[in-house]
Amino acid sequence: MKRFCIAILGATGSIGREVTHWLGAAGYSLRLGAIQSEALQTLAQRVNAQAQVVDLYQQEELDAFCKGCALVVNCAGPPYLVLDRVARSAAQAGAHYIDVSGDAPVWHLLQQTPTSARDWTAVLSAGMLPGLANLMPDWLGVQPDDAITVYSGGRESVRGAAAWDLVL
């Protein structure tokens, strides 16, 4: 396994499961977090990861989840309720941050009251169109002379928290 730990919050959701499988297959040490204990334990066993039940609205649980990780990937939602809560816990723990949603509200909150973390990187809206699709060529190892075809459209299947965000 690769040495540093990546924490994935919302690991049992549709996006969280995909991120977990990608990073697990790449050999990273993972800490998976979610509210659903049984689903979390099952997923963690499947990818040989640490499981930690965490309620992101409980600050102490969230801080403990982020502590000791180099990167926190937030797949939990809905973003209009989560806002900058996970980003700030990650920054406080010294972990970089990727949010599959985040979007403008989180960016504005982080701009209004910046974290005190030095050399901290946050990537917002990583799961939105085109989002992670921009990272795929690198992940697949596409070389500059290779060709890759990407199809994109305005109709996508969404579930759970992402559906609430689209409605809003």
Protein backbone atom coordinates (compact mmCIF):
# COMPACT_ATOMS: atom_id res chain seq x y z
CA MET A 1 0.00 0.00 0.00
CA LYS A 2 1.05 3.54 -0.58
CA ARG A 3 2.13 5.10 2.70
CA PHE A 4 -0.12 8.11 3.31
CA CYS A 5 -3.73 7.76 4.32
CA ILE A 6 -6.66 9.05 2.29
CA ALA A 7 -9.94 9.56 4.14
CA ILE A 8 -13.15 9.18 2.12
CA LEU A 9 -16.23 10.63 3.79
CA GLY A 10 -19.53 9.36 2.43
CA ALA A 11 -17.78 6.19 1.29
CA THR A 12 -20.99 4.14 1.14
CA GLY A 13 -22.79 6.51 -1.25
CA SER A 14 -22.80 6.01 -5.01
CA ILE A 15 -19.87 8.35 -5.68
CA GLY A 16 -18.04 7.39 -2.48
CA ARG A 17 -18.07 3.70 -3.43
CA GLU A 18 -16.58 4.47 -6.85
CA VAL A 19 -13.84 6.68 -5.37
CA THR A 20 -13.12 3.99 -2.76
CA HIS A 21 -12.74 1.29 -5.41
CA TRP A 22 -10.49 3.48 -7.61
CA LEU A 23 -8.17 4.49 -4.79
CA GLY A 24 -8.21 1.03 -3.22
CA ALA A 25 -7.24 -0.57 -6.54
CA ALA A 26 -4.40 1.96 -6.83
CA GLY A 27 -3.02 0.68 -3.52
CA TYR A 28 -3.65 3.65 -1.24
CA SER A 29 -4.19 3.25 2.49
CA LEU A 30 -7.82 4.26 3.03
CA ARG A 31 -9.95 5.37 5.95
CA LEU A 32 -13.62 5.10 5.03
CA GLY A 33 -16.27 7.11 6.81
CA ALA A 34 -20.06 6.98 6.74
CA ILE A 35 -23.05 6.84 9.07
CA GLN A 36 -24.24 3.40 7.91
CA SER A 37 -22.12 1.01 9.99
CA GLU A 38 -23.02 -2.28 8.30
CA ALA A 39 -22.53 -1.01 4.74
CA LEU A 40 -19.31 0.72 5.83
CA GLN A 41 -17.86 -2.46 7.38
CA THR A 42 -18.73 -4.49 4.29
CA LEU A 43 -17.08 -1.99 1.94
CA ALA A 44 -13.99 -1.63 4.15
CA GLN A 45 -13.47 -5.40 4.21
CA ARG A 46 -13.84 -5.58 0.43
CA VAL A 47 -11.05 -3.02 -0.17
CA ASN A 48 -8.94 -3.76 2.93
CA ALA A 49 -9.52 -0.33 4.45
CA GLN A 50 -10.07 1.13 7.89
CA ALA A 51 -13.74 1.86 8.65
CA GLN A 52 -14.85 4.66 10.95
CA VAL A 53 -18.48 5.49 11.61
CA VAL A 54 -18.71 9.27 11.52
CA ASP A 55 -21.52 11.79 11.61
CA LEU A 56 -20.20 14.89 9.85
CA TYR A 57 -22.51 17.06 11.97
CA GLN A 58 -20.68 15.92 15.13
CA GLN A 59 -17.54 18.07 15.15
CA GLU A 60 -15.46 15.80 17.40
CA GLU A 61 -16.24 12.75 15.22
CA LEU A 62 -15.41 14.67 12.06
CA ASP A 63 -12.15 16.00 13.46
CA ALA A 64 -11.12 12.51 14.61
CA PHE A 65 -11.95 11.13 11.16
CA CYS A 66 -9.70 13.65 9.38
CA LYS A 67 -6.81 13.42 11.86
CA GLY A 68 -3.71 11.68 10.56
CA CYS A 69 -4.70 11.66 6.89
CA ALA A 70 -2.88 13.44 4.08
CA LEU A 71 -6.04 13.92 2.02
CA VAL A 72 -9.77 14.03 2.75
CA VAL A 73 -12.18 13.31 -0.11
CA ASN A 74 -15.70 14.48 0.71
CA CYS A 75 -18.40 12.48 -1.06
CA ALA A 76 -21.02 13.22 1.62
CA GLY A 77 -23.92 15.53 1.11
CA PRO A 78 -26.07 17.31 0.53
CA PRO A 79 -23.54 20.10 -0.07
CA TYR A 80 -26.00 22.89 0.75
CA LEU A 81 -26.06 21.54 4.32
CA VAL A 82 -22.46 20.32 4.58
CA LEU A 83 -21.02 23.61 3.31
CA ASP A 84 -17.41 24.15 4.50
CA ARG A 85 -17.63 21.94 7.61
CA VAL A 86 -15.54 19.04 6.22
CA ALA A 87 -13.06 21.34 4.48
CA ARG A 88 -12.29 23.11 7.74
CA SER A 89 -11.82 19.85 9.65
CA ALA A 90 -9.47 18.62 6.94
CA ALA A 91 -7.48 21.86 7.03
CA GLN A 92 -7.27 21.76 10.82
CA ALA A 93 -5.93 18.19 10.59
CA GLY A 94 -3.34 19.25 8.00
CA ALA A 95 -5.01 17.24 5.23
CA HIS A 96 -5.58 18.50 1.69
CA TYR A 97 -9.19 18.43 0.55
CA ILE A 98 -11.21 17.28 -2.45
CA ASP A 99 -14.96 17.82 -2.54
CA VAL A 100 -16.99 16.11 -5.25
CA SER A 101 -19.51 18.92 -4.92
CA GLY A 102 -18.64 21.94 -2.82
CA ASP A 103 -19.30 24.48 -5.48
CA ALA A 104 -19.62 28.24 -5.03
CA PRO A 105 -21.11 28.31 -1.48
CA VAL A 106 -18.11 26.47 -0.04
CA TRP A 107 -15.67 28.60 -2.01
CA HIS A 108 -17.32 31.80 -0.76
CA LEU A 109 -17.27 30.62 2.86
CA LEU A 110 -13.60 29.69 2.62
CA GLN A 111 -12.84 33.07 1.04
CA GLN A 112 -14.72 35.01 3.72
CA THR A 113 -12.94 33.22 6.57
CA PRO A 114 -9.83 31.48 5.26
CA THR A 115 -8.42 28.52 7.16
CA SER A 116 -5.18 29.02 9.03
CA ALA A 117 -3.65 25.99 7.29
CA ARG A 118 -0.43 26.77 5.46
CA ASP A 119 0.23 25.23 2.04
CA TRP A 120 -3.29 23.79 2.03
CA THR A 121 -4.97 22.75 -1.22
CA ALA A 122 -8.72 22.37 -1.70
CA VAL A 123 -10.37 21.17 -4.91
CA LEU A 124 -14.09 21.89 -5.12
CA SER A 125 -16.67 20.52 -7.56
CA ALA A 126 -14.40 17.63 -8.51
CA GLY A 127 -17.37 15.38 -9.23
CA MET A 128 -19.42 17.83 -11.25
CA LEU A 129 -19.51 17.86 -15.02
CA PRO A 130 -16.81 17.69 -16.31
CA GLY A 131 -15.17 17.29 -12.88
CA LEU A 132 -13.53 13.92 -12.43
CA ALA A 133 -13.71 13.35 -16.19
CA ASN A 134 -10.81 15.79 -16.50
CA LEU A 135 -8.73 13.60 -14.19
CA MET A 136 -9.44 10.35 -16.04
CA PRO A 137 -6.87 10.74 -18.85
CA ASP A 138 -4.10 11.12 -16.26
CA TRP A 139 -5.46 8.27 -14.17
CA LEU A 140 -5.59 6.00 -17.23
CA GLY A 141 -2.03 6.93 -18.19
CA VAL A 142 -2.92 8.52 -21.51
CA GLN A 143 0.20 9.82 -23.26
CA PRO A 144 0.29 13.15 -25.19
CA ASP A 145 0.24 11.34 -28.57
CA ASP A 146 -2.66 9.08 -27.58
CA ALA A 147 -6.26 9.93 -28.29
CA ILE A 148 -9.13 9.76 -25.87
CA THR A 149 -12.76 10.36 -26.71
CA VAL A 150 -15.01 11.83 -24.06
CA TYR A 151 -18.76 12.02 -24.50
CA SER A 152 -20.62 14.53 -22.40
CA GLY A 153 -24.23 15.40 -22.19
CA GLY A 154 -26.77 17.35 -20.23
CA ARG A 155 -28.68 14.39 -18.90
CA GLU A 156 -27.17 12.32 -16.15
CA SER A 157 -28.36 9.85 -13.57
CA VAL A 158 -28.12 11.21 -10.04
CA ARG A 159 -29.13 9.84 -6.68
CA GLY A 160 -29.30 10.93 -3.09
CA ALA A 161 -27.57 14.13 -2.09
CA ALA A 162 -26.62 15.07 -5.66
CA ALA A 163 -30.31 15.02 -6.64
CA TRP A 164 -31.13 17.50 -3.87
CA ASP A 165 -28.39 19.81 -5.09
CA LEU A 166 -29.68 19.74 -8.66
CA VAL A 167 -33.20 20.54 -7.49
CA LEU A 168 -31.91 23.52 -5.55
